């Protein structure tokens, strides 16, 4: 029942795709073109098109890849030494859902002139981070993203949705459910593991334009694959929006007083197929608490990967669902790291709802994750996931991790407890502060040779150049200037 046409035809999981599998599918389905796809420094999906003129030609490009100009893709590569190779990763192959000509798309990795992985490539940094975590702990890291976005279209006078009350709304009050479902199917056919989709809180109109917020949430998978899926999903949503003649934006904040868009990331540590985030009793494990401690401790610098423009920090403001304080809690949406319901323990809900059914055993079901709520759609997904892997490893190796986790736990709405609020540290409130945070915590990312110093210095410089320390105050009573800023970063990530 896998929706990916290649998985269906080849009758094997995508992780087992070989070069010969790709060639066989192409021959048997009259594939005329292949697109190499890869991520640039701006976080967007890039494309290199090939017209297949023979089986030998297809074999050649799949085997040897192609050259690209790295200086046009990455700001830190000089034009004098800019040639890079891009090599396809066969497991990522999918049928292009938009091309009228039968086309296969394949994600690629970057290699330098010596045929070695490009050390500063975001995709390779994520690979190193995950490998290092596994080598040092024996655990693998699963992740899943929650991709929030706004669709902007001409106002529909019929069945107007209630302002800021769009959560899980259905048609006809929700206008873009069919678009969301079409996008979800295309993402699934491209290999994305989707948990569900729904309309979100944000609904409002400005003049003759209607803004409707939606969300597509993914299922947990290997953290490297999770990053690939988010990259492809954003491309599919934008391309489908263009086809529909509407605009999609993942921007963290597009106006004041209305819900912003985040890209929350859930994660869990796995070992031999077992979720390590809970004890047999269903309680949160010490391993999970260590991971949470790592996320919290490095959370100021994680914003340098997950919140990449000044508007990100207009979303991270007090008294909203977006976090500002470095703390964690159960089911509490005002915290930075949330522990959602995880179906732990013996539950009888299914039998209560369906008394005609025999007893359904849930005692072995464990879907527990922890959710980092600070990132948004401006993020470089590979760098963000790499940073999360580094933070998880950091937590596992912290001597005082459990004590720190106990100290930062909250079980109330922190904005209603001024004493507790005063005890908590805060996330950066600007790109400038985010750059400073990464500068202060840089050694954690350089440890074990995961990130390169040049890459981190480039990110720090990028954040500092905004000089936005006082931007919130400067734009507080200047709606026209704020709108200019929104438009500048409207198509981030």
Foldseek 3Di string as FASTA:
>chain_A
DQLAPLCVVVVHALLPDDLVSVLVVCVVVVQQKEWEWEAFPQLAIDTDIDGDDDSVSSSVCQVFNDWDFQVVRYVLDDRVQGIKGWHFDRSQWGFDPPDPHTYIYTYTFIAGPVRHGDQAGLLQLLVLLQVVLCVVPVKGKWKKKKQKKKWKDFDDPPLDADAQQQWQDDPPNDPCPVVVVVLVSSLSNSPFAWDDKGWHRHWDDDDGMTITMIITIGAIDGLSVNLVSVNVSVVSSQVSCVVVVIGMFQQQDQAPPTHGFFIKMWMFIDHPRDTPQADLQQHGDPLVLLLLLLCLVLVQLLCLQFPQAFVLLVNCDPPDLAEWWRAEEEPRSNHQKYWYDWLEAFDQVVCVVPVVDDGDGSSRGGRTIIMGRSGTPLGSSSNSSSSSSLSSSVSVPDPCSNVSNVLRYDYDNVVVPVVNVVSTDTHDNFLLSNLVSCVVVVVSSPPPNSHDPVSNVVSSVSSNVVVCNPVCVVCVPPRVVVNVSCVVCRHGD
